[in-house]
Amino acid sequence: TPFPPNLTVSPNHFDRIMEIAGQVKAVNENELSAADMDEIDPFIADKLREIYIELLPLLEAQNAQALDLSSDKDQQARERDGVDGLMLANSMSRSLAAESKASWIYGDLPSAADFALAAIRFGAAYRRNGLMIDDMIGRAIMSNGYHEVLSWRKDADVSILRTLIAVLNEVDEGQESASIIIQRDMAYCERLFGWQNRLSSIVEQRTVGEPSQRKNYASFIASFQTWQRSEEHTSELQSPYVIS
C-alpha cells in the first residue's frame, strides 16, 4: 500500500511543541494549573507559566506531525518514540485543560479561552499526518478542550466566541479523511510487520474489498463518523442568538 502524501504546513512547530510537552510533564507530573501549583511550589508555578508563554503562540499555527513515515529512518523513530509521544501528548492536554478550568474559576475568561483553544489546536495537530491511534488520541485531546469550552461558553463575550468559531472552522478544514488515515496506517503496518501483513492486505482486498468494508477498520470508521457528527453540532455557535 502506498503512503498518502503528507499534509504540508508552514510554519510547522510540531517537534518543538512535543519538546515542550516533555518540559511540562517534567515540572507538572500531577497536571495541575499554575495557580494550584503556587500553593505547592511558586518557583515551579512560574516556570510553568514561562513554558506556556512560548507554547501558546506556537499552537496558533496549523501544525502537523513532522515524521515522513514513508522513510525508513522516520519509521524507526516512530516505532522507538511513539508510545512516549502519546503519553506526553495526553499529559500536556490535561495540563492545558487544568489551566483553562482554573482561569475560568478565577474569572479570567480570556485565559480560559486561550488554554481551551490551545488544547483543541494541539489535538488537531496531533491528528494530522498521523496513524489511526494518533487520530484517536488527537480527538481525546480535543475533547479536553471542548469540555472546558462548555463550562464557560455562556459567560464568554462576542470577541471570545468569534475566536472560538474561527478556530473550530480552521480545525475542521484542516482535518484529514478517515480513508487517508487508514491508508497511511495500512502502509506503515505493512512495512513494520512484514510480508504477513502485506499478504493479509492483498487477500482482504480481493475477498472483502476496500478498507472501509473490513471488520478490523469498522470501529475506527464508526468512531470517526460519530466525531464528525458531534463536530457538526458546534455550528450552533454561529447563530446570531449565541454571539449577539
Protein backbone atom coordinates (compact mmCIF):
# COMPACT_ATOMS: atom_id res chain seq x y z
CA THR A 1 0.00 0.00 0.00
CA PRO A 2 1.48 3.38 -0.93
CA PHE A 3 1.70 6.13 1.65
CA PRO A 4 -0.65 9.05 1.01
CA PRO A 5 1.12 12.41 0.66
CA ASN A 6 1.75 14.15 3.95
CA LEU A 7 -0.05 17.40 4.62
CA THR A 8 2.43 20.23 4.14
CA VAL A 9 2.01 23.04 6.65
CA SER A 10 4.22 26.07 7.15
CA PRO A 11 5.29 27.01 9.69
CA ASN A 12 5.25 23.66 11.45
CA HIS A 13 6.27 23.76 15.11
CA PHE A 14 5.24 20.20 15.95
CA ASP A 15 8.66 18.95 17.03
CA ARG A 16 9.18 21.93 19.32
CA ILE A 17 5.67 21.54 20.73
CA MET A 18 6.45 17.93 21.66
CA GLU A 19 9.71 19.04 23.28
CA ILE A 20 7.68 21.50 25.35
CA ALA A 21 5.24 18.69 26.22
CA GLY A 22 8.21 16.90 27.76
CA GLN A 23 9.08 20.01 29.78
CA VAL A 24 5.50 20.34 31.01
CA LYS A 25 5.48 16.69 32.07
CA ALA A 26 8.82 17.08 33.87
CA VAL A 27 7.70 20.01 36.02
CA ASN A 28 3.99 19.18 36.32
CA GLU A 29 3.59 15.44 36.77
CA ASN A 30 0.30 15.94 38.63
CA GLU A 31 -1.11 18.01 35.74
CA LEU A 32 -2.08 20.95 37.95
CA SER A 33 -2.69 24.54 36.91
CA ALA A 34 -0.02 27.13 37.68
CA ALA A 35 -2.46 28.74 40.12
CA ASP A 36 -2.78 25.47 42.05
CA MET A 37 0.99 24.98 41.85
CA ASP A 38 1.53 28.38 43.53
CA GLU A 39 0.47 26.83 46.82
CA ILE A 40 2.93 23.94 46.46
CA ASP A 41 5.98 25.40 44.72
CA PRO A 42 5.82 29.01 43.45
CA PHE A 43 9.10 28.57 41.56
CA ILE A 44 7.70 25.67 39.54
CA ALA A 45 4.46 27.60 39.00
CA ASP A 46 6.42 30.49 37.46
CA LYS A 47 8.42 28.03 35.35
CA LEU A 48 5.18 26.55 34.06
CA ARG A 49 3.89 29.99 33.12
CA GLU A 50 7.12 30.70 31.21
CA ILE A 51 6.69 27.45 29.26
CA TYR A 52 3.13 28.38 28.29
CA ILE A 53 4.25 31.83 27.12
CA GLU A 54 6.29 30.06 24.44
CA LEU A 55 3.80 27.26 23.77
CA LEU A 56 0.53 29.06 23.10
CA PRO A 57 1.75 31.17 20.12
CA LEU A 58 3.27 28.03 18.54
CA LEU A 59 -0.09 26.27 18.71
CA GLU A 60 -1.77 29.05 16.73
CA ALA A 61 -0.10 27.72 13.56
CA GLN A 62 -1.70 24.80 11.71
CA ASN A 63 0.88 22.27 12.90
CA ALA A 64 1.09 18.59 11.92
CA GLN A 65 3.12 15.53 12.78
CA ALA A 66 6.51 16.02 11.18
CA LEU A 67 7.65 12.43 10.57
CA ASP A 68 7.58 11.14 7.00
CA LEU A 69 6.55 7.55 7.64
CA SER A 70 7.49 6.53 4.10
CA SER A 71 11.11 6.98 5.24
CA ASP A 72 12.83 4.00 6.90
CA LYS A 73 14.55 6.35 9.33
CA ASP A 74 11.29 8.00 10.40
CA GLN A 75 9.56 4.62 10.66
CA GLN A 76 12.24 3.55 13.14
CA ALA A 77 11.90 6.82 15.05
CA ARG A 78 8.13 6.34 15.25
CA GLU A 79 8.49 2.76 16.48
CA ARG A 80 11.05 3.87 19.08
CA ASP A 81 9.32 7.00 20.40
CA GLY A 82 5.65 6.56 19.52
CA VAL A 83 4.33 5.39 22.91
CA ASP A 84 6.27 8.07 24.79
CA GLY A 85 4.87 10.70 22.44
CA LEU A 86 1.32 9.56 23.07
CA MET A 87 1.84 9.75 26.84
CA LEU A 88 3.39 13.23 26.67
CA ALA A 89 0.58 14.49 24.43
CA ASN A 90 -2.11 13.19 26.77
CA SER A 91 -0.39 14.68 29.80
CA MET A 92 0.03 18.12 28.25
CA SER A 93 -3.59 18.20 27.10
CA ARG A 94 -4.73 17.61 30.67
CA SER A 95 -2.41 20.36 31.90
CA LEU A 96 -3.85 22.78 29.35
CA ALA A 97 -7.37 21.83 30.41
CA ALA A 98 -6.43 22.42 34.06
CA GLU A 99 -5.19 25.91 33.15
CA SER A 100 -8.46 26.67 31.34
CA LYS A 101 -10.53 25.45 34.27
CA ALA A 102 -8.52 27.44 36.83
CA SER A 103 -8.66 30.61 34.71
CA TRP A 104 -12.46 30.32 34.46
CA ILE A 105 -12.81 29.75 38.21
CA TYR A 106 -10.72 32.85 38.92
CA GLY A 107 -12.75 34.92 36.46
CA ASP A 108 -10.14 35.25 33.70
CA LEU A 109 -12.23 34.21 30.68
CA PRO A 110 -9.70 35.32 28.02
CA SER A 111 -7.08 32.99 29.54
CA ALA A 112 -9.66 30.22 29.95
CA ALA A 113 -10.37 30.51 26.22
CA ASP A 114 -6.68 30.65 25.29
CA PHE A 115 -5.89 27.39 27.08
CA ALA A 116 -9.02 25.55 25.91
CA LEU A 117 -8.34 26.53 22.30
CA ALA A 118 -4.69 25.55 22.74
CA ALA A 119 -5.82 22.04 23.69
CA ILE A 120 -8.15 21.88 20.68
CA ARG A 121 -5.42 23.07 18.32
CA PHE A 122 -2.91 20.66 19.83
CA GLY A 123 -5.26 17.72 19.36
CA ALA A 124 -5.96 18.74 15.76
CA ALA A 125 -2.22 18.96 15.06
CA TYR A 126 -1.65 15.53 16.59
CA ARG A 127 -4.17 14.02 14.16
CA ARG A 128 -2.63 15.48 11.00
CA ASN A 129 -0.22 13.14 9.19
CA GLY A 130 -0.86 10.56 11.89
CA LEU A 131 -1.85 6.93 12.20
CA MET A 132 -5.22 5.71 13.44
CA ILE A 133 -4.02 5.74 17.06
CA ASP A 134 -2.84 9.34 16.60
CA ASP A 135 -6.24 10.35 15.27
CA MET A 136 -7.99 8.79 18.24
CA ILE A 137 -5.57 10.34 20.75
CA GLY A 138 -5.89 13.69 18.97
CA ARG A 139 -9.68 13.58 19.31
CA ALA A 140 -9.33 12.79 23.02
CA ILE A 141 -7.04 15.79 23.43
CA MET A 142 -9.51 18.00 21.59
CA SER A 143 -12.31 16.69 23.81
CA ASN A 144 -10.45 18.03 26.86
CA GLY A 145 -10.54 21.46 25.27
CA TYR A 146 -14.18 21.16 24.19
CA HIS A 147 -15.16 20.13 27.72
CA GLU A 148 -13.69 23.36 29.10
CA VAL A 149 -15.40 25.42 26.39
CA LEU A 150 -18.75 24.03 27.54
CA SER A 151 -18.01 25.28 31.06
CA TRP A 152 -17.51 28.94 30.19
CA ARG A 153 -19.13 29.38 26.78
CA LYS A 154 -22.29 31.09 28.05
CA ASP A 155 -20.19 33.59 30.01
CA ALA A 156 -17.93 34.48 27.07
CA ASP A 157 -18.21 37.78 25.22
CA VAL A 158 -18.62 38.24 21.47
CA SER A 159 -14.88 38.55 20.82
CA ILE A 160 -14.07 35.25 22.52
CA LEU A 161 -16.92 33.43 20.76
CA ARG A 162 -15.84 34.72 17.37
CA THR A 163 -12.31 33.50 18.04
CA LEU A 164 -13.75 30.13 19.05
CA ILE A 165 -15.78 29.90 15.83
CA ALA A 166 -12.72 30.77 13.74
CA VAL A 167 -10.63 28.08 15.46
CA LEU A 168 -13.34 25.43 15.04
CA ASN A 169 -13.64 26.23 11.34
CA GLU A 170 -9.86 26.13 10.94
CA VAL A 171 -9.65 22.77 12.67
CA ASP A 172 -12.47 21.33 10.57
CA GLU A 173 -10.90 22.50 7.30
CA GLY A 174 -7.53 21.02 8.22
CA GLN A 175 -8.86 17.54 9.04
CA GLU A 176 -7.79 14.51 7.02
CA SER A 177 -10.39 11.98 5.88
CA ALA A 178 -10.75 8.58 7.52
CA SER A 179 -9.72 6.88 4.26
CA ILE A 180 -6.41 8.80 4.16
CA ILE A 181 -5.64 7.94 7.79
CA ILE A 182 -6.44 4.25 7.21
CA GLN A 183 -4.26 4.17 4.08
CA ARG A 184 -1.33 5.66 6.00
CA ASP A 185 -1.86 3.17 8.82
CA MET A 186 -2.00 0.24 6.39
CA ALA A 187 1.15 1.37 4.60
CA TYR A 188 3.02 1.79 7.88
CA CYS A 189 1.93 -1.57 9.29
CA GLU A 190 2.80 -3.42 6.08
CA ARG A 191 6.35 -2.15 6.33
CA LEU A 192 6.63 -2.59 10.08
CA PHE A 193 5.19 -6.12 10.34
CA GLY A 194 6.47 -7.57 7.10
CA TRP A 195 5.16 -9.92 4.42
CA GLN A 196 2.39 -11.49 6.52
CA ASN A 197 0.70 -8.13 6.91
CA ARG A 198 1.14 -7.32 3.22
CA LEU A 199 -0.32 -10.69 2.21
CA SER A 200 -3.28 -10.13 4.52
CA SER A 201 -3.95 -6.78 2.83
CA ILE A 202 -3.89 -8.39 -0.61
CA VAL A 203 -6.23 -11.22 0.42
CA GLU A 204 -8.71 -8.84 2.07
CA GLN A 205 -8.63 -6.55 -0.96
CA ARG A 206 -9.61 -9.49 -3.19
CA THR A 207 -12.15 -11.11 -0.86
CA VAL A 208 -13.70 -8.21 1.09
CA GLY A 209 -12.94 -5.05 -0.84
CA GLU A 210 -11.90 -1.58 0.23
CA PRO A 211 -10.71 -0.97 3.82
CA SER A 212 -13.99 0.75 4.68
CA GLN A 213 -15.71 -2.64 4.24
CA ARG A 214 -13.35 -4.59 6.51
CA LYS A 215 -14.21 -5.53 10.08
CA ASN A 216 -10.82 -4.52 11.50
CA TYR A 217 -11.45 -0.89 10.47
CA ALA A 218 -15.15 -0.78 11.35
CA SER A 219 -14.75 0.55 14.88
CA PHE A 220 -12.36 3.29 13.77
CA ILE A 221 -14.66 4.41 10.97
CA ALA A 222 -17.68 4.38 13.28
CA SER A 223 -15.89 6.48 15.92
CA PHE A 224 -14.62 8.86 13.23
CA GLN A 225 -18.12 9.35 11.83
CA THR A 226 -19.57 9.87 15.31
CA TRP A 227 -16.91 12.51 15.96
CA GLN A 228 -17.76 14.27 12.70
CA ARG A 229 -21.44 14.39 13.61
CA SER A 230 -20.66 15.81 17.05
CA GLU A 231 -18.45 18.48 15.47
CA GLU A 232 -21.29 19.46 13.15
CA HIS A 233 -23.35 20.31 16.23
CA THR A 234 -20.90 23.10 17.07
CA SER A 235 -22.37 25.04 14.15
CA GLU A 236 -24.95 26.34 16.62
CA LEU A 237 -22.19 28.61 17.93
CA GLN A 238 -22.55 30.65 14.77
CA SER A 239 -26.20 31.56 15.32
CA PRO A 240 -26.86 35.26 15.81
CA TYR A 241 -28.52 34.49 19.14
CA VAL A 242 -25.39 32.99 20.61
CA ILE A 243 -22.93 35.68 19.52
CA SER A 244 -25.20 38.69 19.88
